[in-house]
Amino acid sequence: MADSDRGRIPTVIADNVHIVYRVNGGAGGKGSATAALSRIIRRRKGQTERGVRKVHAVRGVSFTAYRGEAIGLIGSNGSGKSTLLRAIAGLLPTESGKVYTDGQPSLLGVNAALMSDLTGERNVILGGLAMGMSREQIKNRYQDIVDFSGINEKGDFISLPMRTYSSGMGARLRFAIAAAKQHDVLMIDEALATGDRKFQNRSEARIRELRKEAGTVFLVSHNNKSIRDTCDRVLWLEKGELLMDGPTDEVIAAYERETGK
């Protein structure tokens, strides 16, 4: 631990984390259930599975995140950014190494599950309850959530089923619901890539507020400007390995020199 980190409160520690996916190399479709059953039987008998390909998605990643930090994750597609967030959230097991968290991590992605057949209003309520908010808290924050999302600026969309929303509207509502609660660790996967600049400005301001409320924010984005405007530290991953961990301007400058992006 560096001297500058003494006295700070760690929220996430990744200790030599490896994450491996096992992908069935056989064809899907008709007969795939029979093939799956055969694999299960072989596994129970201790036999080696055939046609299973291993994908080493995260390779020996170590870092410590502290309360009050906003940390950006950058790297090319398939570099392991989203996989690492899912492991921090407890949604993926590690092959080896450990992830330690202080408090409850919350993962927000553009594909976060809301119920398409229910109205936006009902999804606000259910999303708030799923995050541990009381009905009274949801009632008090409901209008702020709707206003923050901006989905009612061109009509009463909050009363319509989510299936009628564009992908951008749905992503904005998901972010607005998640941002209504103070989080120990909030992980955002590409949510700021949706919406116009006005919404992005609101989102970036809210992330800064969450940091001040003693939380830690992780942000995955391909938009370097959003990372610069929001984060004070960046992790750069490529092919599952942590290439660089440091101040935002230094890491993004190195990334842009290397990739031309």
C-alpha atoms as a PDB file:
ATOM      1  CA  MET A   1       0.000   0.000   0.000  1.00  0.00           C
ATOM      2  CA  ALA A   2       1.344   3.404  -0.959  1.00  0.00           C
ATOM      3  CA  ASP A   3       1.725   6.055   1.731  1.00  0.00           C
ATOM      4  CA  SER A   4      -0.873   8.199  -0.070  1.00  0.00           C
ATOM      5  CA  ASP A   5      -3.462   5.420   0.410  1.00  0.00           C
ATOM      6  CA  ARG A   6      -3.055   5.145   4.176  1.00  0.00           C
ATOM      7  CA  GLY A   7      -6.183   6.175   6.045  1.00  0.00           C
ATOM      8  CA  ARG A   8      -8.374   5.725   2.983  1.00  0.00           C
ATOM      9  CA  ILE A   9     -11.210   3.190   3.116  1.00  0.00           C
ATOM     10  CA  PRO A  10     -10.985   0.381   0.528  1.00  0.00           C
ATOM     11  CA  THR A  11     -14.267  -0.677  -1.089  1.00  0.00           C
ATOM     12  CA  VAL A  12     -13.104  -3.224  -3.682  1.00  0.00           C
ATOM     13  CA  ILE A  13      -9.957  -5.346  -3.714  1.00  0.00           C
ATOM     14  CA  ALA A  14      -9.185  -7.563  -6.708  1.00  0.00           C
ATOM     15  CA  ASP A  15      -6.380  -9.970  -5.835  1.00  0.00           C
ATOM     16  CA  ASN A  16      -4.849 -11.733  -8.860  1.00  0.00           C
ATOM     17  CA  VAL A  17      -8.263 -12.378 -10.404  1.00  0.00           C
ATOM     18  CA  HIS A  18      -8.602 -14.870 -13.248  1.00  0.00           C
ATOM     19  CA  ILE A  19     -11.970 -15.487 -14.931  1.00  0.00           C
ATOM     20  CA  VAL A  20     -12.468 -18.313 -17.423  1.00  0.00           C
ATOM     21  CA  TYR A  21     -15.541 -18.973 -19.550  1.00  0.00           C
ATOM     22  CA  ARG A  22     -16.227 -22.491 -20.785  1.00  0.00           C
ATOM     23  CA  VAL A  23     -17.914 -22.424 -24.167  1.00  0.00           C
ATOM     24  CA  ASN A  24     -19.480 -25.439 -25.830  1.00  0.00           C
ATOM     25  CA  GLY A  25     -17.731 -25.796 -29.163  1.00  0.00           C
ATOM     26  CA  GLY A  26     -20.432 -28.011 -30.635  1.00  0.00           C
ATOM     27  CA  ALA A  27     -23.303 -26.846 -32.833  1.00  0.00           C
ATOM     28  CA  GLY A  28     -26.493 -25.699 -31.194  1.00  0.00           C
ATOM     29  CA  GLY A  29     -30.031 -26.169 -32.421  1.00  0.00           C
ATOM     30  CA  LYS A  30     -31.710 -29.530 -32.825  1.00  0.00           C
ATOM     31  CA  GLY A  31     -30.246 -32.194 -30.600  1.00  0.00           C
ATOM     32  CA  SER A  32     -28.377 -29.746 -28.402  1.00  0.00           C
ATOM     33  CA  ALA A  33     -30.331 -30.805 -25.292  1.00  0.00           C
ATOM     34  CA  THR A  34     -29.263 -34.420 -25.852  1.00  0.00           C
ATOM     35  CA  ALA A  35     -25.665 -33.308 -26.286  1.00  0.00           C
ATOM     36  CA  ALA A  36     -25.870 -31.255 -23.092  1.00  0.00           C
ATOM     37  CA  LEU A  37     -27.218 -34.252 -21.167  1.00  0.00           C
ATOM     38  CA  SER A  38     -24.348 -36.395 -22.446  1.00  0.00           C
ATOM     39  CA  ARG A  39     -21.845 -33.792 -21.257  1.00  0.00           C
ATOM     40  CA  ILE A  40     -23.459 -33.716 -17.809  1.00  0.00           C
ATOM     41  CA  ILE A  41     -23.319 -37.517 -17.550  1.00  0.00           C
ATOM     42  CA  ARG A  42     -19.645 -37.562 -18.590  1.00  0.00           C
ATOM     43  CA  ARG A  43     -18.844 -34.848 -16.066  1.00  0.00           C
ATOM     44  CA  ARG A  44     -20.558 -36.789 -13.271  1.00  0.00           C
ATOM     45  CA  LYS A  45     -18.494 -39.840 -14.211  1.00  0.00           C
ATOM     46  CA  GLY A  46     -15.328 -37.743 -14.012  1.00  0.00           C
ATOM     47  CA  GLN A  47     -14.731 -37.946 -17.756  1.00  0.00           C
ATOM     48  CA  THR A  48     -13.180 -35.049 -19.672  1.00  0.00           C
ATOM     49  CA  GLU A  49     -15.658 -32.906 -21.585  1.00  0.00           C
ATOM     50  CA  ARG A  50     -15.089 -32.898 -25.328  1.00  0.00           C
ATOM     51  CA  GLY A  51     -15.727 -29.884 -27.523  1.00  0.00           C
ATOM     52  CA  VAL A  52     -15.533 -27.395 -24.652  1.00  0.00           C
ATOM     53  CA  ARG A  53     -13.409 -24.322 -25.345  1.00  0.00           C
ATOM     54  CA  LYS A  54     -11.937 -22.249 -22.531  1.00  0.00           C
ATOM     55  CA  VAL A  55     -11.897 -18.463 -22.872  1.00  0.00           C
ATOM     56  CA  HIS A  56      -9.542 -16.760 -20.411  1.00  0.00           C
ATOM     57  CA  ALA A  57     -11.423 -13.448 -20.143  1.00  0.00           C
ATOM     58  CA  VAL A  58      -9.565 -11.851 -17.201  1.00  0.00           C
ATOM     59  CA  ARG A  59      -5.912 -12.636 -16.467  1.00  0.00           C
ATOM     60  CA  GLY A  60      -4.365 -11.903 -13.083  1.00  0.00           C
ATOM     61  CA  VAL A  61      -5.969  -8.497 -12.462  1.00  0.00           C
ATOM     62  CA  SER A  62      -5.160  -6.831  -9.131  1.00  0.00           C
ATOM     63  CA  PHE A  63      -6.168  -3.398  -7.831  1.00  0.00           C
ATOM     64  CA  THR A  64      -7.682  -1.660  -4.808  1.00  0.00           C
ATOM     65  CA  ALA A  65     -10.513   0.869  -5.114  1.00  0.00           C
ATOM     66  CA  TYR A  66     -11.237   3.388  -2.376  1.00  0.00           C
ATOM     67  CA  ARG A  67     -14.318   5.170  -1.105  1.00  0.00           C
ATOM     68  CA  GLY A  68     -14.920   8.432  -2.941  1.00  0.00           C
ATOM     69  CA  GLU A  69     -13.212   7.346  -6.169  1.00  0.00           C
ATOM     70  CA  ALA A  70     -14.678   7.286  -9.668  1.00  0.00           C
ATOM     71  CA  ILE A  71     -12.755   4.761 -11.749  1.00  0.00           C
ATOM     72  CA  GLY A  72     -13.021   4.414 -15.507  1.00  0.00           C
ATOM     73  CA  LEU A  73     -12.430   1.123 -17.327  1.00  0.00           C
ATOM     74  CA  ILE A  74     -11.152   1.400 -20.885  1.00  0.00           C
ATOM     75  CA  GLY A  75      -9.956  -1.030 -23.523  1.00  0.00           C
ATOM     76  CA  SER A  76     -10.973  -2.512 -26.844  1.00  0.00           C
ATOM     77  CA  ASN A  77     -14.059  -4.701 -27.257  1.00  0.00           C
ATOM     78  CA  GLY A  78     -13.532  -8.052 -25.577  1.00  0.00           C
ATOM     79  CA  SER A  79     -10.796  -6.770 -23.282  1.00  0.00           C
ATOM     80  CA  GLY A  80     -12.576  -8.013 -20.137  1.00  0.00           C
ATOM     81  CA  LYS A  81     -14.065  -4.772 -18.790  1.00  0.00           C
ATOM     82  CA  SER A  82     -17.676  -5.922 -18.452  1.00  0.00           C
ATOM     83  CA  THR A  83     -16.567  -9.378 -17.266  1.00  0.00           C
ATOM     84  CA  LEU A  84     -14.539  -7.798 -14.477  1.00  0.00           C
ATOM     85  CA  LEU A  85     -17.525  -5.686 -13.365  1.00  0.00           C
ATOM     86  CA  ARG A  86     -19.747  -8.773 -13.283  1.00  0.00           C
ATOM     87  CA  ALA A  87     -17.206 -10.522 -11.055  1.00  0.00           C
ATOM     88  CA  ILE A  88     -17.087  -7.534  -8.684  1.00  0.00           C
ATOM     89  CA  ALA A  89     -20.895  -7.626  -8.552  1.00  0.00           C
ATOM     90  CA  GLY A  90     -20.770 -11.304  -7.580  1.00  0.00           C
ATOM     91  CA  LEU A  91     -22.432 -12.449 -10.815  1.00  0.00           C
ATOM     92  CA  LEU A  92     -19.422 -14.426 -12.085  1.00  0.00           C
ATOM     93  CA  PRO A  93     -17.140 -16.779 -10.138  1.00  0.00           C
ATOM     94  CA  THR A  94     -13.378 -16.393 -10.339  1.00  0.00           C
ATOM     95  CA  GLU A  95     -11.285 -19.268 -11.646  1.00  0.00           C
ATOM     96  CA  SER A  96      -8.586 -18.215  -9.175  1.00  0.00           C
ATOM     97  CA  GLY A  97      -7.850 -15.150  -7.107  1.00  0.00           C
ATOM     98  CA  LYS A  98     -10.379 -13.275  -5.001  1.00  0.00           C
ATOM     99  CA  VAL A  99     -12.614 -10.215  -5.120  1.00  0.00           C
ATOM    100  CA  TYR A 100     -13.347  -8.522  -1.785  1.00  0.00           C
ATOM    101  CA  THR A 101     -16.004  -5.808  -1.445  1.00  0.00           C
ATOM    102  CA  ASP A 102     -17.055  -3.531   1.395  1.00  0.00           C
ATOM    103  CA  GLY A 103     -20.810  -3.080   1.164  1.00  0.00           C
ATOM    104  CA  GLN A 104     -23.170  -4.127  -1.614  1.00  0.00           C
ATOM    105  CA  PRO A 105     -22.021  -3.638  -5.225  1.00  0.00           C
ATOM    106  CA  SER A 106     -24.693  -2.650  -7.749  1.00  0.00           C
ATOM    107  CA  LEU A 107     -24.212  -3.229 -11.483  1.00  0.00           C
ATOM    108  CA  LEU A 108     -26.035  -1.022 -13.967  1.00  0.00           C
ATOM    109  CA  GLY A 109     -25.775  -1.880 -17.653  1.00  0.00           C
ATOM    110  CA  VAL A 110     -27.731  -0.839 -20.705  1.00  0.00           C
ATOM    111  CA  ASN A 111     -29.232  -4.334 -20.705  1.00  0.00           C
ATOM    112  CA  ALA A 112     -30.203  -4.271 -17.033  1.00  0.00           C
ATOM    113  CA  ALA A 113     -33.478  -6.118 -16.661  1.00  0.00           C
ATOM    114  CA  LEU A 114     -36.673  -4.135 -16.501  1.00  0.00           C
ATOM    115  CA  MET A 115     -40.003  -5.700 -17.456  1.00  0.00           C
ATOM    116  CA  SER A 116     -40.984  -4.722 -20.983  1.00  0.00           C
ATOM    117  CA  ASP A 117     -44.705  -5.405 -20.541  1.00  0.00           C
ATOM    118  CA  LEU A 118     -44.993  -3.127 -17.514  1.00  0.00           C
ATOM    119  CA  THR A 119     -45.212   0.647 -17.620  1.00  0.00           C
ATOM    120  CA  GLY A 120     -42.266   2.859 -16.854  1.00  0.00           C
ATOM    121  CA  GLU A 121     -44.029   3.851 -13.640  1.00  0.00           C
ATOM    122  CA  ARG A 122     -44.288   0.240 -12.463  1.00  0.00           C
ATOM    123  CA  ASN A 123     -40.654  -0.382 -13.402  1.00  0.00           C
ATOM    124  CA  VAL A 124     -39.558   2.607 -11.326  1.00  0.00           C
ATOM    125  CA  ILE A 125     -41.321   1.079  -8.322  1.00  0.00           C
ATOM    126  CA  LEU A 126     -40.011  -2.447  -8.905  1.00  0.00           C
ATOM    127  CA  GLY A 127     -36.495  -1.223  -9.688  1.00  0.00           C
ATOM    128  CA  GLY A 128     -36.437   0.834  -6.492  1.00  0.00           C
ATOM    129  CA  LEU A 129     -37.655  -2.106  -4.419  1.00  0.00           C
ATOM    130  CA  ALA A 130     -35.025  -4.359  -6.014  1.00  0.00           C
ATOM    131  CA  MET A 131     -32.328  -1.906  -4.896  1.00  0.00           C
ATOM    132  CA  GLY A 132     -33.592  -2.018  -1.315  1.00  0.00           C
ATOM    133  CA  MET A 133     -35.508   1.246  -1.274  1.00  0.00           C
ATOM    134  CA  SER A 134     -38.732   1.449   0.736  1.00  0.00           C
ATOM    135  CA  ARG A 135     -42.022   2.318  -0.938  1.00  0.00           C
ATOM    136  CA  GLU A 136     -41.975   5.641   0.896  1.00  0.00           C
ATOM    137  CA  GLN A 137     -38.494   6.426  -0.459  1.00  0.00           C
ATOM    138  CA  ILE A 138     -39.602   5.525  -3.979  1.00  0.00           C
ATOM    139  CA  LYS A 139     -42.704   7.701  -3.648  1.00  0.00           C
ATOM    140  CA  ASN A 140     -40.619  10.657  -2.479  1.00  0.00           C
ATOM    141  CA  ARG A 141     -38.065  10.260  -5.284  1.00  0.00           C
ATOM    142  CA  TYR A 142     -40.413   9.150  -8.066  1.00  0.00           C
ATOM    143  CA  GLN A 143     -40.819  12.516  -9.798  1.00  0.00           C
ATOM    144  CA  ASP A 144     -37.099  13.229  -9.560  1.00  0.00           C
ATOM    145  CA  ILE A 145     -36.400   9.876 -11.264  1.00  0.00           C
ATOM    146  CA  VAL A 146     -38.826  10.644 -14.095  1.00  0.00           C
ATOM    147  CA  ASP A 147     -37.500  14.177 -14.540  1.00  0.00           C
ATOM    148  CA  PHE A 148     -33.893  12.990 -14.479  1.00  0.00           C
ATOM    149  CA  SER A 149     -34.541  10.369 -17.187  1.00  0.00           C
ATOM    150  CA  GLY A 150     -36.141  12.960 -19.462  1.00  0.00           C
ATOM    151  CA  ILE A 151     -38.432  10.334 -21.013  1.00  0.00           C
ATOM    152  CA  ASN A 152     -41.530  12.499 -20.472  1.00  0.00           C
ATOM    153  CA  GLU A 153     -40.135  15.522 -22.280  1.00  0.00           C
ATOM    154  CA  LYS A 154     -41.984  14.570 -25.480  1.00  0.00           C
ATOM    155  CA  GLY A 155     -45.085  12.934 -24.033  1.00  0.00           C
ATOM    156  CA  ASP A 156     -46.410  10.842 -21.167  1.00  0.00           C
ATOM    157  CA  PHE A 157     -44.134   7.866 -21.841  1.00  0.00           C
ATOM    158  CA  ILE A 158     -43.827   6.928 -18.167  1.00  0.00           C
ATOM    159  CA  SER A 159     -47.389   5.567 -18.299  1.00  0.00           C
ATOM    160  CA  LEU A 160     -46.673   3.406 -21.380  1.00  0.00           C
ATOM    161  CA  PRO A 161     -45.203  -0.127 -21.431  1.00  0.00           C
ATOM    162  CA  MET A 162     -41.407  -0.283 -21.588  1.00  0.00           C
ATOM    163  CA  ARG A 163     -41.631  -2.200 -24.886  1.00  0.00           C
ATOM    164  CA  THR A 164     -42.737   1.050 -26.554  1.00  0.00           C
ATOM    165  CA  TYR A 165     -39.512   2.805 -25.502  1.00  0.00           C
ATOM    166  CA  SER A 166     -36.456   3.251 -27.681  1.00  0.00           C
ATOM    167  CA  SER A 167     -33.275   1.609 -26.390  1.00  0.00           C
ATOM    168  CA  GLY A 168     -31.989   5.038 -25.359  1.00  0.00           C
ATOM    169  CA  MET A 169     -35.131   5.833 -23.363  1.00  0.00           C
ATOM    170  CA  GLY A 170     -34.912   2.521 -21.548  1.00  0.00           C
ATOM    171  CA  ALA A 171     -31.228   3.044 -20.722  1.00  0.00           C
ATOM    172  CA  ARG A 172     -31.909   6.558 -19.421  1.00  0.00           C
ATOM    173  CA  LEU A 173     -34.693   5.297 -17.151  1.00  0.00           C
ATOM    174  CA  ARG A 174     -32.476   2.494 -15.824  1.00  0.00           C
ATOM    175  CA  PHE A 175     -29.739   4.981 -14.994  1.00  0.00           C
ATOM    176  CA  ALA A 176     -32.223   7.359 -13.346  1.00  0.00           C
ATOM    177  CA  ILE A 177     -33.555   4.549 -11.120  1.00  0.00           C
ATOM    178  CA  ALA A 178     -30.069   3.389 -10.095  1.00  0.00           C
ATOM    179  CA  ALA A 179     -28.851   6.939  -9.491  1.00  0.00           C
ATOM    180  CA  ALA A 180     -31.742   7.669  -7.112  1.00  0.00           C
ATOM    181  CA  LYS A 181     -30.086   5.598  -4.384  1.00  0.00           C
ATOM    182  CA  GLN A 182     -26.796   6.046  -2.583  1.00  0.00           C
ATOM    183  CA  HIS A 183     -24.550   3.078  -3.386  1.00  0.00           C
ATOM    184  CA  ASP A 184     -21.564   1.566  -1.632  1.00  0.00           C
ATOM    185  CA  VAL A 185     -20.203   0.539  -5.047  1.00  0.00           C
ATOM    186  CA  LEU A 186     -22.008   1.498  -8.270  1.00  0.00           C
ATOM    187  CA  MET A 187     -20.816   0.012 -11.553  1.00  0.00           C
ATOM    188  CA  ILE A 188     -22.066   1.571 -14.774  1.00  0.00           C
ATOM    189  CA  ASP A 189     -21.570  -0.247 -18.077  1.00  0.00           C
ATOM    190  CA  GLU A 190     -21.947   2.127 -21.053  1.00  0.00           C
ATOM    191  CA  ALA A 191     -25.042   3.876 -19.640  1.00  0.00           C
ATOM    192  CA  LEU A 192     -23.599   7.301 -20.453  1.00  0.00           C
ATOM    193  CA  ALA A 193     -23.298   6.380 -24.126  1.00  0.00           C
ATOM    194  CA  THR A 194     -27.046   6.866 -24.498  1.00  0.00           C
ATOM    195  CA  GLY A 195     -29.005  10.066 -24.742  1.00  0.00           C
ATOM    196  CA  ASP A 196     -28.091  13.563 -25.797  1.00  0.00           C
ATOM    197  CA  ARG A 197     -25.409  15.754 -24.262  1.00  0.00           C
ATOM    198  CA  LYS A 198     -27.952  17.258 -21.856  1.00  0.00           C
ATOM    199  CA  PHE A 199     -28.638  13.846 -20.317  1.00  0.00           C
ATOM    200  CA  GLN A 200     -24.954  12.944 -20.285  1.00  0.00           C
ATOM    201  CA  ASN A 201     -24.206  16.150 -18.368  1.00  0.00           C
ATOM    202  CA  ARG A 202     -26.892  15.268 -15.795  1.00  0.00           C
ATOM    203  CA  SER A 203     -25.466  11.754 -15.491  1.00  0.00           C
ATOM    204  CA  GLU A 204     -21.899  12.946 -15.017  1.00  0.00           C
ATOM    205  CA  ALA A 205     -23.029  15.442 -12.365  1.00  0.00           C
ATOM    206  CA  ARG A 206     -24.906  12.670 -10.538  1.00  0.00           C
ATOM    207  CA  ILE A 207     -21.829  10.427 -10.554  1.00  0.00           C
ATOM    208  CA  ARG A 208     -19.837  13.216  -8.927  1.00  0.00           C
ATOM    209  CA  GLU A 209     -22.560  13.502  -6.269  1.00  0.00           C
ATOM    210  CA  LEU A 210     -22.438   9.757  -5.608  1.00  0.00           C
ATOM    211  CA  ARG A 211     -18.690  10.016  -5.048  1.00  0.00           C
ATOM    212  CA  LYS A 212     -19.220  12.808  -2.514  1.00  0.00           C
ATOM    213  CA  GLU A 213     -21.746  10.588  -0.717  1.00  0.00           C
ATOM    214  CA  ALA A 214     -18.803   8.264   0.107  1.00  0.00           C
ATOM    215  CA  GLY A 215     -19.496   5.676  -2.579  1.00  0.00           C
ATOM    216  CA  THR A 216     -17.221   4.274  -5.287  1.00  0.00           C
ATOM    217  CA  VAL A 217     -18.195   4.447  -8.952  1.00  0.00           C
ATOM    218  CA  PHE A 218     -16.848   2.298 -11.789  1.00  0.00           C
ATOM    219  CA  LEU A 219     -17.625   3.438 -15.340  1.00  0.00           C
ATOM    220  CA  VAL A 220     -17.119   1.426 -18.523  1.00  0.00           C
ATOM    221  CA  SER A 221     -17.286   3.617 -21.610  1.00  0.00           C
ATOM    222  CA  HIS A 222     -15.821   3.922 -25.098  1.00  0.00           C
ATOM    223  CA  ASN A 223     -16.301   7.683 -24.827  1.00  0.00           C
ATOM    224  CA  ASN A 224     -12.995   9.043 -23.554  1.00  0.00           C
ATOM    225  CA  LYS A 225     -14.540  12.461 -22.914  1.00  0.00           C
ATOM    226  CA  SER A 226     -17.079  10.945 -20.503  1.00  0.00           C
ATOM    227  CA  ILE A 227     -14.248   9.183 -18.695  1.00  0.00           C
ATOM    228  CA  ARG A 228     -12.217  12.394 -18.499  1.00  0.00           C
ATOM    229  CA  ASP A 229     -15.202  14.424 -17.275  1.00  0.00           C
ATOM    230  CA  THR A 230     -16.253  11.847 -14.679  1.00  0.00           C
ATOM    231  CA  CYS A 231     -13.302   9.800 -13.402  1.00  0.00           C
ATOM    232  CA  ASP A 232     -10.131  10.611 -11.496  1.00  0.00           C
ATOM    233  CA  ARG A 233      -8.544   7.191 -12.091  1.00  0.00           C
ATOM    234  CA  VAL A 234      -8.558   4.738 -15.002  1.00  0.00           C
ATOM    235  CA  LEU A 235      -7.890   1.006 -15.404  1.00  0.00           C
ATOM    236  CA  TRP A 236      -6.813   0.023 -18.944  1.00  0.00           C
ATOM    237  CA  LEU A 237      -7.463  -3.610 -19.845  1.00  0.00           C
ATOM    238  CA  GLU A 238      -6.467  -5.470 -23.021  1.00  0.00           C
ATOM    239  CA  LYS A 239      -6.966  -9.190 -23.649  1.00  0.00           C
ATOM    240  CA  GLY A 240      -7.963  -9.587 -20.015  1.00  0.00           C
ATOM    241  CA  GLU A 241      -4.760  -8.078 -18.607  1.00  0.00           C
ATOM    242  CA  LEU A 242      -4.425  -4.834 -16.663  1.00  0.00           C
ATOM    243  CA  LEU A 243      -1.983  -2.777 -18.734  1.00  0.00           C
ATOM    244  CA  MET A 244      -2.123   0.458 -16.755  1.00  0.00           C
ATOM    245  CA  ASP A 245      -3.715   1.864 -13.588  1.00  0.00           C
ATOM    246  CA  GLY A 246      -3.311   5.531 -12.800  1.00  0.00           C
ATOM    247  CA  PRO A 247      -4.589   9.111 -13.081  1.00  0.00           C
ATOM    248  CA  THR A 248      -7.178   9.611 -15.822  1.00  0.00           C
ATOM    249  CA  ASP A 249      -5.212  11.979 -18.057  1.00  0.00           C
ATOM    250  CA  GLU A 250      -2.064   9.817 -17.971  1.00  0.00           C
ATOM    251  CA  VAL A 251      -3.813   6.538 -18.756  1.00  0.00           C
ATOM    252  CA  ILE A 252      -6.077   7.912 -21.488  1.00  0.00           C
ATOM    253  CA  ALA A 253      -3.133   9.715 -23.119  1.00  0.00           C
ATOM    254  CA  ALA A 254      -1.192   6.421 -23.220  1.00  0.00           C
ATOM    255  CA  TYR A 255      -4.270   4.584 -24.530  1.00  0.00           C
ATOM    256  CA  GLU A 256      -4.815   7.140 -27.304  1.00  0.00           C
ATOM    257  CA  ARG A 257      -1.142   7.028 -28.331  1.00  0.00           C
ATOM    258  CA  GLU A 258      -1.275   3.243 -28.536  1.00  0.00           C
ATOM    259  CA  THR A 259      -4.641   2.861 -30.283  1.00  0.00           C
ATOM    260  CA  GLY A 260      -5.108   6.153 -32.124  1.00  0.00           C
ATOM    261  CA  LYS A 261      -8.584   6.473 -30.604  1.00  0.00           C
END
